[in-house]
Amino acid sequence: MADKIVHVEVVGRSGSSLQSFFSDLFGWNFDTNNPGGYGMASADEVGITTGVGTAPEGMESGGVTFYVLVPDVDKALARATELGGQVILPKYSPGPGATLGLFADPEGHVIGLSEA
């Protein structure tokens, strides 16, 4: 079975402004009881778990990122690099039960990885 998209993220200069925008536009409710006020809307409400927040330092303009569930973030980052991608954020844990990493594809699109 192929790896699946498990999370979509929108980040920019002001996470709270973006959360208000999507809440007002689509009626989404965000749980912002997360580090940095990162907002999470549940898959039950919006179709796929969606995070909206402030772009991490070093990510110039923010953007839209999808996260793919993989068995091993380190192996997936290594394979992305072999194929011409670039690691943006090595494997890290932003909180309990979460293991993530970010890479850019050969054209610069940022893709997230989440470890099963």
Foldseek 3Di string as FASTA:
>chain_A
DDWAWAEKEFAFAFQVVVVVVCCVVPVFDFDQPAPQSWTWGPCVVVVHIYITGHDDPPPPGTGMEIETEDADQQVVQVVQVVQQKAWPAGWDARDPPWIKTWIAHNVGRIYMYTHD
